[in-house]
Amino acid sequence: MDVVLEGEAVRVTDEDTLKHLAEVWATKWDGRWQLTVRDGAFEAFGNPSHVYSVAPVKIFAHAKGDPFGQTRHTFG
């Protein structure tokens, strides 16, 4: 299924929030991805990655395969 979110993307730079996200995501991949927080971004493998939060206004979902399908939801 493909999912598309529409909404304003806001960059997350709060160090405590980024550290928490890094800890949680490390458990998802059995600790293989060790993200550190530096200068308001994640750093892994020597490269910075900015993190964004999106508050959805509209969501589209498209099912693949047989049967195909689609749906849409808007937040009021």
C-alpha atoms as a PDB file:
ATOM      1  CA  MET A   1       0.000   0.000   0.000  1.00  0.00           C
ATOM      2  CA  ASP A   2       1.253   3.454  -0.876  1.00  0.00           C
ATOM      3  CA  VAL A   3       0.351   6.214   1.582  1.00  0.00           C
ATOM      4  CA  VAL A   4       0.662   9.953   0.929  1.00  0.00           C
ATOM      5  CA  LEU A   5       0.310  12.587   3.668  1.00  0.00           C
ATOM      6  CA  GLU A   6      -0.435  16.228   2.994  1.00  0.00           C
ATOM      7  CA  GLY A   7       0.405  18.783   5.659  1.00  0.00           C
ATOM      8  CA  GLU A   8       2.998  21.267   6.783  1.00  0.00           C
ATOM      9  CA  ALA A   9       6.420  19.766   7.461  1.00  0.00           C
ATOM     10  CA  VAL A  10       8.189  21.357  10.427  1.00  0.00           C
ATOM     11  CA  ARG A  11      11.821  20.608  11.172  1.00  0.00           C
ATOM     12  CA  VAL A  12      12.464  18.996  14.569  1.00  0.00           C
ATOM     13  CA  THR A  13      15.611  20.349  16.244  1.00  0.00           C
ATOM     14  CA  ASP A  14      14.893  19.796  19.945  1.00  0.00           C
ATOM     15  CA  GLU A  15      17.752  17.632  21.232  1.00  0.00           C
ATOM     16  CA  ASP A  16      15.668  15.750  23.815  1.00  0.00           C
ATOM     17  CA  THR A  17      13.058  14.835  21.181  1.00  0.00           C
ATOM     18  CA  LEU A  18      15.740  13.754  18.702  1.00  0.00           C
ATOM     19  CA  LYS A  19      17.532  11.659  21.338  1.00  0.00           C
ATOM     20  CA  HIS A  20      14.265   9.941  22.249  1.00  0.00           C
ATOM     21  CA  LEU A  21      13.503   9.186  18.588  1.00  0.00           C
ATOM     22  CA  ALA A  22      17.032   7.841  18.047  1.00  0.00           C
ATOM     23  CA  GLU A  23      16.636   5.488  21.023  1.00  0.00           C
ATOM     24  CA  VAL A  24      13.236   4.231  19.846  1.00  0.00           C
ATOM     25  CA  TRP A  25      14.319   3.733  16.226  1.00  0.00           C
ATOM     26  CA  ALA A  26      17.456   1.835  17.330  1.00  0.00           C
ATOM     27  CA  THR A  27      15.185  -0.878  18.777  1.00  0.00           C
ATOM     28  CA  LYS A  28      13.341  -1.238  15.451  1.00  0.00           C
ATOM     29  CA  TRP A  29      16.481  -2.369  13.623  1.00  0.00           C
ATOM     30  CA  ASP A  30      18.012  -4.410  16.443  1.00  0.00           C
ATOM     31  CA  GLY A  31      20.480  -1.597  17.127  1.00  0.00           C
ATOM     32  CA  ARG A  32      22.035  -1.760  13.641  1.00  0.00           C
ATOM     33  CA  TRP A  33      21.289   1.921  13.032  1.00  0.00           C
ATOM     34  CA  GLN A  34      23.029   3.968  15.701  1.00  0.00           C
ATOM     35  CA  LEU A  35      21.839   7.538  15.281  1.00  0.00           C
ATOM     36  CA  THR A  36      23.500  10.277  17.279  1.00  0.00           C
ATOM     37  CA  VAL A  37      22.194  13.805  17.740  1.00  0.00           C
ATOM     38  CA  ARG A  38      24.387  16.691  16.684  1.00  0.00           C
ATOM     39  CA  ASP A  39      23.539  20.304  15.842  1.00  0.00           C
ATOM     40  CA  GLY A  40      19.765  19.692  15.746  1.00  0.00           C
ATOM     41  CA  ALA A  41      19.923  16.693  13.410  1.00  0.00           C
ATOM     42  CA  PHE A  42      20.615  12.980  13.364  1.00  0.00           C
ATOM     43  CA  GLU A  43      24.074  11.862  12.368  1.00  0.00           C
ATOM     44  CA  ALA A  44      24.808   8.385  11.072  1.00  0.00           C
ATOM     45  CA  PHE A  45      27.733   7.117   9.034  1.00  0.00           C
ATOM     46  CA  GLY A  46      29.251  10.633   9.143  1.00  0.00           C
ATOM     47  CA  ASN A  47      26.277  12.332   7.458  1.00  0.00           C
ATOM     48  CA  PRO A  48      23.657  14.652   9.007  1.00  0.00           C
ATOM     49  CA  SER A  49      19.943  13.964   8.454  1.00  0.00           C
ATOM     50  CA  HIS A  50      17.249  16.483   9.266  1.00  0.00           C
ATOM     51  CA  VAL A  51      14.084  15.224  10.953  1.00  0.00           C
ATOM     52  CA  TYR A  52      10.629  16.591  10.165  1.00  0.00           C
ATOM     53  CA  SER A  53       7.227  16.306  11.802  1.00  0.00           C
ATOM     54  CA  VAL A  54       4.113  16.421   9.613  1.00  0.00           C
ATOM     55  CA  ALA A  55       0.671  17.120  11.073  1.00  0.00           C
ATOM     56  CA  PRO A  56      -1.544  15.516   8.397  1.00  0.00           C
ATOM     57  CA  VAL A  57      -4.341  17.520   6.815  1.00  0.00           C
ATOM     58  CA  LYS A  58      -5.187  14.909   4.180  1.00  0.00           C
ATOM     59  CA  ILE A  59      -4.175  11.269   3.670  1.00  0.00           C
ATOM     60  CA  PHE A  60      -4.389   9.227   0.480  1.00  0.00           C
ATOM     61  CA  ALA A  61      -3.894   5.456   0.468  1.00  0.00           C
ATOM     62  CA  HIS A  62      -3.590   3.329  -2.673  1.00  0.00           C
ATOM     63  CA  ALA A  63      -3.775  -0.464  -2.511  1.00  0.00           C
ATOM     64  CA  LYS A  64      -1.566  -2.403  -4.913  1.00  0.00           C
ATOM     65  CA  GLY A  65      -2.296  -5.720  -6.591  1.00  0.00           C
ATOM     66  CA  ASP A  66      -5.643  -7.313  -7.216  1.00  0.00           C
ATOM     67  CA  PRO A  67      -7.985  -5.728  -6.335  1.00  0.00           C
ATOM     68  CA  PHE A  68      -6.636  -2.203  -6.645  1.00  0.00           C
ATOM     69  CA  GLY A  69      -8.178   0.420  -4.426  1.00  0.00           C
ATOM     70  CA  GLN A  70      -7.849   3.879  -3.054  1.00  0.00           C
ATOM     71  CA  THR A  71      -9.192   5.955  -0.197  1.00  0.00           C
ATOM     72  CA  ARG A  72      -8.848   9.467   1.146  1.00  0.00           C
ATOM     73  CA  HIS A  73      -9.319  11.008   4.581  1.00  0.00           C
ATOM     74  CA  THR A  74      -9.311  14.673   5.515  1.00  0.00           C
ATOM     75  CA  PHE A  75      -8.916  16.060   9.013  1.00  0.00           C
ATOM     76  CA  GLY A  76     -11.438  18.662   9.952  1.00  0.00           C
END
